[in-house]
Amino acid sequence: VLGVAGVGSDGIGIYSPTPSLQNAVVEDCTVTAVNGTGIVFNRGSVHMRNNRVTASGGGIWVFEARGGEISGNLVVGTTEDTGITIIGTHGSTISGNVVRDSYNHGIWLTGDSIHNLVRDNVLTGNGLSTSGHGLYVQGTSNQIEGNTLNFNGGAGLFFNATGCKNTFARNMAQGNDGGGVSACTALFPPESCSQCSGSANVSFGDNLIPGPALF
């Protein structure tokens, strides 16, 4: 348990050391008013649970987690970046996080993040000044389930051109502004958009996103 407040310049609130394939637990920590990113984990297996990052430049960055858990975290009011950024992460669970009022996306899965479970996150009011999306997916073969994606500046759920072969179900998106949403080849803007240029994403047919029945 750790509290960090008021780190100036481009400082990071909590930072794991140089990549060392470590197993880490980051739990019940509070980071506020940090100009840089609130919490950064750098390679290995991580359990990052029940942390709070508020009024900081960025929220939580996870680099190259293998079999990790990022759950129950609260990120509110990032001023320069995405709420939770998942980079190069495989076979991990990102669940039960609440992200709101982030400068950019709520949660961002980069193109090298694959085979993850993204479930039951609440991503609301993000990207209002940047057309950021609630959940921005560039990676492949992820399962995206039961997320609440409302009132974001872009789409609630956005798959870009590389965001293919994902499976999604029981997500809900309403009231999103649709900024930066164009060239959608599938789904239903402004609430959802897919620009996937490869193997299509697959829906279980029970998403609560405005569109045809059984979407």
C-alpha atoms as a PDB file:
ATOM      1  CA  VAL A   1       0.000   0.000   0.000  1.00  0.00           C
ATOM      2  CA  LEU A   2       1.508   3.289  -1.111  1.00  0.00           C
ATOM      3  CA  GLY A   3       0.367   6.872  -1.580  1.00  0.00           C
ATOM      4  CA  VAL A   4       2.073   9.226  -4.042  1.00  0.00           C
ATOM      5  CA  ALA A   5       1.097  12.837  -4.651  1.00  0.00           C
ATOM      6  CA  GLY A   6       2.418  15.906  -6.409  1.00  0.00           C
ATOM      7  CA  VAL A   7       5.320  14.539  -8.491  1.00  0.00           C
ATOM      8  CA  GLY A   8       6.425  17.348 -10.800  1.00  0.00           C
ATOM      9  CA  SER A   9       7.992  17.575 -14.244  1.00  0.00           C
ATOM     10  CA  ASP A  10       7.522  14.297 -16.170  1.00  0.00           C
ATOM     11  CA  GLY A  11       7.840  12.118 -13.098  1.00  0.00           C
ATOM     12  CA  ILE A  12       6.103   8.758 -12.710  1.00  0.00           C
ATOM     13  CA  GLY A  13       4.168   7.948  -9.561  1.00  0.00           C
ATOM     14  CA  ILE A  14       5.019   4.219  -9.282  1.00  0.00           C
ATOM     15  CA  TYR A  15       7.505   2.603 -11.684  1.00  0.00           C
ATOM     16  CA  SER A  16       8.746  -0.970 -11.945  1.00  0.00           C
ATOM     17  CA  PRO A  17      12.495  -1.309 -12.593  1.00  0.00           C
ATOM     18  CA  THR A  18      14.259  -1.997 -15.873  1.00  0.00           C
ATOM     19  CA  PRO A  19      12.753  -5.103 -17.497  1.00  0.00           C
ATOM     20  CA  SER A  20      13.706  -8.133 -15.454  1.00  0.00           C
ATOM     21  CA  LEU A  21      10.847 -10.608 -16.004  1.00  0.00           C
ATOM     22  CA  GLN A  22       9.810  -9.906 -12.429  1.00  0.00           C
ATOM     23  CA  ASN A  23       6.591 -10.975 -10.776  1.00  0.00           C
ATOM     24  CA  ALA A  24       5.007  -7.941  -9.182  1.00  0.00           C
ATOM     25  CA  VAL A  25       2.009  -7.028  -7.058  1.00  0.00           C
ATOM     26  CA  VAL A  26       0.824  -3.421  -7.160  1.00  0.00           C
ATOM     27  CA  GLU A  27      -2.207  -3.186  -4.909  1.00  0.00           C
ATOM     28  CA  ASP A  28      -4.244  -0.576  -3.014  1.00  0.00           C
ATOM     29  CA  CYS A  29      -1.996   2.329  -4.013  1.00  0.00           C
ATOM     30  CA  THR A  30      -3.124   5.925  -4.544  1.00  0.00           C
ATOM     31  CA  VAL A  31      -1.441   8.258  -7.032  1.00  0.00           C
ATOM     32  CA  THR A  32      -2.643  11.813  -7.526  1.00  0.00           C
ATOM     33  CA  ALA A  33      -1.425  15.021  -9.195  1.00  0.00           C
ATOM     34  CA  VAL A  34       1.555  13.411 -10.946  1.00  0.00           C
ATOM     35  CA  ASN A  35       2.584  15.257 -14.111  1.00  0.00           C
ATOM     36  CA  GLY A  36       3.742  12.053 -15.809  1.00  0.00           C
ATOM     37  CA  THR A  37       2.106   8.619 -15.767  1.00  0.00           C
ATOM     38  CA  GLY A  38       0.572   7.373 -12.537  1.00  0.00           C
ATOM     39  CA  ILE A  39       1.717   3.714 -12.559  1.00  0.00           C
ATOM     40  CA  VAL A  40       4.049   1.972 -15.045  1.00  0.00           C
ATOM     41  CA  PHE A  41       4.793  -1.774 -15.093  1.00  0.00           C
ATOM     42  CA  ASN A  42       7.602  -2.960 -17.329  1.00  0.00           C
ATOM     43  CA  ARG A  43       7.617  -6.632 -18.379  1.00  0.00           C
ATOM     44  CA  GLY A  44       6.864  -9.841 -16.522  1.00  0.00           C
ATOM     45  CA  SER A  45       3.835 -11.063 -14.600  1.00  0.00           C
ATOM     46  CA  VAL A  46       1.865  -8.470 -12.670  1.00  0.00           C
ATOM     47  CA  HIS A  47      -1.151  -8.372 -10.374  1.00  0.00           C
ATOM     48  CA  MET A  48      -2.249  -4.722 -10.437  1.00  0.00           C
ATOM     49  CA  ARG A  49      -5.388  -4.437  -8.340  1.00  0.00           C
ATOM     50  CA  ASN A  50      -7.518  -1.798  -6.630  1.00  0.00           C
ATOM     51  CA  ASN A  51      -5.247   1.161  -7.306  1.00  0.00           C
ATOM     52  CA  ARG A  52      -6.426   4.763  -7.749  1.00  0.00           C
ATOM     53  CA  VAL A  53      -4.866   7.277 -10.141  1.00  0.00           C
ATOM     54  CA  THR A  54      -6.433  10.731 -10.231  1.00  0.00           C
ATOM     55  CA  ALA A  55      -5.644  14.130 -11.744  1.00  0.00           C
ATOM     56  CA  SER A  56      -2.364  12.964 -13.291  1.00  0.00           C
ATOM     57  CA  GLY A  57      -0.868  13.303 -16.764  1.00  0.00           C
ATOM     58  CA  GLY A  58      -1.457   9.646 -17.586  1.00  0.00           C
ATOM     59  CA  GLY A  59      -3.097   6.727 -15.845  1.00  0.00           C
ATOM     60  CA  ILE A  60      -1.668   3.180 -15.930  1.00  0.00           C
ATOM     61  CA  TRP A  61       0.762   1.751 -18.510  1.00  0.00           C
ATOM     62  CA  VAL A  62       1.427  -1.988 -18.655  1.00  0.00           C
ATOM     63  CA  PHE A  63       4.295  -3.126 -20.914  1.00  0.00           C
ATOM     64  CA  GLU A  64       4.680  -6.780 -21.934  1.00  0.00           C
ATOM     65  CA  ALA A  65       2.756  -8.450 -19.155  1.00  0.00           C
ATOM     66  CA  ARG A  66       2.451 -12.223 -19.488  1.00  0.00           C
ATOM     67  CA  GLY A  67      -0.425 -13.835 -17.641  1.00  0.00           C
ATOM     68  CA  GLY A  68      -1.118 -10.682 -15.652  1.00  0.00           C
ATOM     69  CA  GLU A  69      -4.180  -9.253 -13.944  1.00  0.00           C
ATOM     70  CA  ILE A  70      -5.106  -5.579 -14.166  1.00  0.00           C
ATOM     71  CA  SER A  71      -8.345  -5.317 -12.235  1.00  0.00           C
ATOM     72  CA  GLY A  72     -10.448  -3.087 -10.023  1.00  0.00           C
ATOM     73  CA  ASN A  73      -8.411   0.051 -10.691  1.00  0.00           C
ATOM     74  CA  LEU A  74      -9.906   3.550 -10.748  1.00  0.00           C
ATOM     75  CA  VAL A  75      -8.436   6.132 -13.137  1.00  0.00           C
ATOM     76  CA  VAL A  76     -10.036   9.575 -13.206  1.00  0.00           C
ATOM     77  CA  GLY A  77      -9.119  12.808 -14.952  1.00  0.00           C
ATOM     78  CA  THR A  78      -5.872  12.172 -16.834  1.00  0.00           C
ATOM     79  CA  THR A  79      -4.760  15.439 -18.381  1.00  0.00           C
ATOM     80  CA  GLU A  80      -2.481  14.290 -21.223  1.00  0.00           C
ATOM     81  CA  ASP A  81      -2.917  10.600 -21.959  1.00  0.00           C
ATOM     82  CA  THR A  82      -5.042   7.432 -21.975  1.00  0.00           C
ATOM     83  CA  GLY A  83      -6.525   6.003 -18.785  1.00  0.00           C
ATOM     84  CA  ILE A  84      -5.089   2.461 -19.102  1.00  0.00           C
ATOM     85  CA  THR A  85      -2.653   1.556 -21.888  1.00  0.00           C
ATOM     86  CA  ILE A  86      -1.906  -2.133 -22.528  1.00  0.00           C
ATOM     87  CA  ILE A  87       1.251  -2.656 -24.628  1.00  0.00           C
ATOM     88  CA  GLY A  88       2.695  -5.946 -25.902  1.00  0.00           C
ATOM     89  CA  THR A  89       0.643  -7.881 -23.353  1.00  0.00           C
ATOM     90  CA  HIS A  90      -0.411 -11.507 -23.883  1.00  0.00           C
ATOM     91  CA  GLY A  91      -2.796 -13.810 -22.044  1.00  0.00           C
ATOM     92  CA  SER A  92      -3.785 -11.325 -19.357  1.00  0.00           C
ATOM     93  CA  THR A  93      -7.056 -10.182 -17.793  1.00  0.00           C
ATOM     94  CA  ILE A  94      -8.092  -6.522 -17.810  1.00  0.00           C
ATOM     95  CA  SER A  95     -11.297  -6.422 -15.809  1.00  0.00           C
ATOM     96  CA  GLY A  96     -13.488  -4.396 -13.504  1.00  0.00           C
ATOM     97  CA  ASN A  97     -11.594  -1.149 -14.049  1.00  0.00           C
ATOM     98  CA  VAL A  98     -13.336   2.229 -14.016  1.00  0.00           C
ATOM     99  CA  VAL A  99     -11.870   4.932 -16.250  1.00  0.00           C
ATOM    100  CA  ARG A 100     -13.510   8.296 -16.750  1.00  0.00           C
ATOM    101  CA  ASP A 101     -12.635  11.799 -17.920  1.00  0.00           C
ATOM    102  CA  SER A 102      -9.340  10.757 -19.489  1.00  0.00           C
ATOM    103  CA  TYR A 103      -7.747  13.093 -22.010  1.00  0.00           C
ATOM    104  CA  ASN A 104      -7.486  10.325 -24.609  1.00  0.00           C
ATOM    105  CA  HIS A 105      -8.946   6.783 -24.718  1.00  0.00           C
ATOM    106  CA  GLY A 106     -10.355   4.974 -21.707  1.00  0.00           C
ATOM    107  CA  ILE A 107      -8.467   1.705 -22.387  1.00  0.00           C
ATOM    108  CA  TRP A 108      -6.095   1.202 -25.333  1.00  0.00           C
ATOM    109  CA  LEU A 109      -4.906  -2.239 -26.469  1.00  0.00           C
ATOM    110  CA  THR A 110      -1.961  -1.708 -28.811  1.00  0.00           C
ATOM    111  CA  GLY A 111      -1.386  -3.854 -31.897  1.00  0.00           C
ATOM    112  CA  ASP A 112       0.956  -6.254 -30.121  1.00  0.00           C
ATOM    113  CA  SER A 113      -1.531  -7.012 -27.315  1.00  0.00           C
ATOM    114  CA  ILE A 114      -3.146 -10.378 -28.084  1.00  0.00           C
ATOM    115  CA  HIS A 115      -5.107 -13.212 -26.436  1.00  0.00           C
ATOM    116  CA  ASN A 116      -6.312 -11.078 -23.531  1.00  0.00           C
ATOM    117  CA  LEU A 117      -9.659 -11.026 -21.731  1.00  0.00           C
ATOM    118  CA  VAL A 118     -11.108  -7.496 -21.453  1.00  0.00           C
ATOM    119  CA  ARG A 119     -14.198  -7.757 -19.301  1.00  0.00           C
ATOM    120  CA  ASP A 120     -16.625  -5.683 -17.204  1.00  0.00           C
ATOM    121  CA  ASN A 121     -14.792  -2.363 -17.458  1.00  0.00           C
ATOM    122  CA  VAL A 122     -16.698   0.937 -17.186  1.00  0.00           C
ATOM    123  CA  LEU A 123     -15.254   3.552 -19.558  1.00  0.00           C
ATOM    124  CA  THR A 124     -17.185   6.798 -19.498  1.00  0.00           C
ATOM    125  CA  GLY A 125     -16.613  10.381 -20.601  1.00  0.00           C
ATOM    126  CA  ASN A 126     -13.138   9.847 -22.032  1.00  0.00           C
ATOM    127  CA  GLY A 127     -11.563  11.699 -24.940  1.00  0.00           C
ATOM    128  CA  LEU A 128     -13.895  14.660 -24.909  1.00  0.00           C
ATOM    129  CA  SER A 129     -11.150  16.999 -26.129  1.00  0.00           C
ATOM    130  CA  THR A 130      -9.332  14.513 -28.389  1.00  0.00           C
ATOM    131  CA  SER A 131     -12.099  12.277 -29.785  1.00  0.00           C
ATOM    132  CA  GLY A 132     -10.628   9.422 -27.793  1.00  0.00           C
ATOM    133  CA  HIS A 133     -12.622   6.189 -27.682  1.00  0.00           C
ATOM    134  CA  GLY A 134     -13.931   4.270 -24.702  1.00  0.00           C
ATOM    135  CA  LEU A 135     -12.147   1.050 -25.708  1.00  0.00           C
ATOM    136  CA  TYR A 136      -9.607   1.354 -28.558  1.00  0.00           C
ATOM    137  CA  VAL A 137      -8.472  -2.012 -29.914  1.00  0.00           C
ATOM    138  CA  GLN A 138      -5.496  -2.417 -32.232  1.00  0.00           C
ATOM    139  CA  GLY A 139      -4.608  -5.953 -31.106  1.00  0.00           C
ATOM    140  CA  THR A 140      -5.950  -9.300 -32.297  1.00  0.00           C
ATOM    141  CA  SER A 141      -7.576 -12.407 -30.827  1.00  0.00           C
ATOM    142  CA  ASN A 142      -8.795 -10.716 -27.644  1.00  0.00           C
ATOM    143  CA  GLN A 143     -12.110 -11.459 -25.937  1.00  0.00           C
ATOM    144  CA  ILE A 144     -14.038  -8.276 -25.166  1.00  0.00           C
ATOM    145  CA  GLU A 145     -17.029  -8.835 -22.968  1.00  0.00           C
ATOM    146  CA  GLY A 146     -19.497  -6.984 -20.762  1.00  0.00           C
ATOM    147  CA  ASN A 147     -17.928  -3.518 -20.949  1.00  0.00           C
ATOM    148  CA  THR A 148     -19.912  -0.291 -20.434  1.00  0.00           C
ATOM    149  CA  LEU A 149     -18.803   2.367 -22.938  1.00  0.00           C
ATOM    150  CA  ASN A 150     -20.779   5.599 -22.667  1.00  0.00           C
ATOM    151  CA  PHE A 151     -20.386   9.320 -23.429  1.00  0.00           C
ATOM    152  CA  ASN A 152     -16.871   9.112 -24.865  1.00  0.00           C
ATOM    153  CA  GLY A 153     -15.626  11.653 -27.392  1.00  0.00           C
ATOM    154  CA  GLY A 154     -15.118   9.082 -30.146  1.00  0.00           C
ATOM    155  CA  ALA A 155     -16.823   5.697 -30.332  1.00  0.00           C
ATOM    156  CA  GLY A 156     -17.590   3.546 -27.343  1.00  0.00           C
ATOM    157  CA  LEU A 157     -15.920   0.528 -28.996  1.00  0.00           C
ATOM    158  CA  PHE A 158     -13.399   1.067 -31.803  1.00  0.00           C
ATOM    159  CA  PHE A 159     -11.426  -1.578 -33.721  1.00  0.00           C
ATOM    160  CA  ASN A 160      -8.804  -0.004 -35.978  1.00  0.00           C
ATOM    161  CA  ALA A 161      -7.406  -1.552 -39.174  1.00  0.00           C
ATOM    162  CA  THR A 162      -5.229  -4.054 -37.287  1.00  0.00           C
ATOM    163  CA  GLY A 163      -7.844  -4.824 -34.630  1.00  0.00           C
ATOM    164  CA  CYS A 164      -9.104  -8.074 -36.140  1.00  0.00           C
ATOM    165  CA  LYS A 165     -10.060 -11.610 -35.065  1.00  0.00           C
ATOM    166  CA  ASN A 166     -11.369 -10.372 -31.726  1.00  0.00           C
ATOM    167  CA  THR A 167     -14.523 -11.793 -30.156  1.00  0.00           C
ATOM    168  CA  PHE A 168     -16.942  -9.432 -28.425  1.00  0.00           C
ATOM    169  CA  ALA A 169     -20.147  -9.887 -26.460  1.00  0.00           C
ATOM    170  CA  ARG A 170     -22.550  -8.227 -24.023  1.00  0.00           C
ATOM    171  CA  ASN A 171     -20.950  -4.794 -24.364  1.00  0.00           C
ATOM    172  CA  MET A 172     -23.088  -1.674 -23.990  1.00  0.00           C
ATOM    173  CA  ALA A 173     -22.379   1.634 -25.752  1.00  0.00           C
ATOM    174  CA  GLN A 174     -24.632   4.686 -25.711  1.00  0.00           C
ATOM    175  CA  GLY A 175     -24.312   8.456 -25.955  1.00  0.00           C
ATOM    176  CA  ASN A 176     -20.855   8.511 -27.560  1.00  0.00           C
ATOM    177  CA  ASP A 177     -20.049  11.573 -29.690  1.00  0.00           C
ATOM    178  CA  GLY A 178     -18.429   9.703 -32.588  1.00  0.00           C
ATOM    179  CA  GLY A 179     -15.533  12.121 -33.083  1.00  0.00           C
ATOM    180  CA  GLY A 180     -12.764  10.693 -35.288  1.00  0.00           C
ATOM    181  CA  VAL A 181     -15.041   7.863 -36.411  1.00  0.00           C
ATOM    182  CA  SER A 182     -14.843   7.414 -40.183  1.00  0.00           C
ATOM    183  CA  ALA A 183     -14.319   4.708 -42.791  1.00  0.00           C
ATOM    184  CA  CYS A 184     -16.079   2.117 -40.634  1.00  0.00           C
ATOM    185  CA  THR A 185     -16.487  -1.147 -42.517  1.00  0.00           C
ATOM    186  CA  ALA A 186     -18.595  -2.766 -39.820  1.00  0.00           C
ATOM    187  CA  LEU A 187     -20.463  -2.065 -36.571  1.00  0.00           C
ATOM    188  CA  PHE A 188     -22.609   0.985 -35.972  1.00  0.00           C
ATOM    189  CA  PRO A 189     -21.102   4.455 -35.618  1.00  0.00           C
ATOM    190  CA  PRO A 190     -21.053   6.625 -33.612  1.00  0.00           C
ATOM    191  CA  GLU A 191     -21.352   4.075 -30.808  1.00  0.00           C
ATOM    192  CA  SER A 192     -19.054   1.472 -32.373  1.00  0.00           C
ATOM    193  CA  CYS A 193     -16.740   1.273 -35.380  1.00  0.00           C
ATOM    194  CA  SER A 194     -14.553  -1.352 -37.025  1.00  0.00           C
ATOM    195  CA  GLN A 195     -11.916  -0.539 -39.621  1.00  0.00           C
ATOM    196  CA  CYS A 196     -10.553  -4.103 -39.564  1.00  0.00           C
ATOM    197  CA  SER A 197      -8.890  -4.912 -42.889  1.00  0.00           C
ATOM    198  CA  GLY A 198      -8.261  -8.605 -42.184  1.00  0.00           C
ATOM    199  CA  SER A 199     -10.185 -11.484 -40.604  1.00  0.00           C
ATOM    200  CA  ALA A 200     -13.349 -10.022 -39.146  1.00  0.00           C
ATOM    201  CA  ASN A 201     -14.187  -9.561 -35.498  1.00  0.00           C
ATOM    202  CA  VAL A 202     -16.923 -11.906 -34.299  1.00  0.00           C
ATOM    203  CA  SER A 203     -19.889 -11.007 -32.095  1.00  0.00           C
ATOM    204  CA  PHE A 204     -21.836 -13.450 -29.941  1.00  0.00           C
ATOM    205  CA  GLY A 205     -24.942 -11.498 -31.000  1.00  0.00           C
ATOM    206  CA  ASP A 206     -25.893  -9.983 -27.663  1.00  0.00           C
ATOM    207  CA  ASN A 207     -24.234  -6.560 -27.528  1.00  0.00           C
ATOM    208  CA  LEU A 208     -26.403  -3.673 -26.276  1.00  0.00           C
ATOM    209  CA  ILE A 209     -25.131  -1.229 -28.856  1.00  0.00           C
ATOM    210  CA  PRO A 210     -27.597   0.635 -31.105  1.00  0.00           C
ATOM    211  CA  GLY A 211     -27.903  -1.409 -34.290  1.00  0.00           C
ATOM    212  CA  PRO A 212     -29.883  -4.306 -35.710  1.00  0.00           C
ATOM    213  CA  ALA A 213     -31.377  -6.875 -33.396  1.00  0.00           C
ATOM    214  CA  LEU A 214     -29.073  -9.679 -32.304  1.00  0.00           C
ATOM    215  CA  PHE A 215     -25.967  -7.603 -32.933  1.00  0.00           C
END
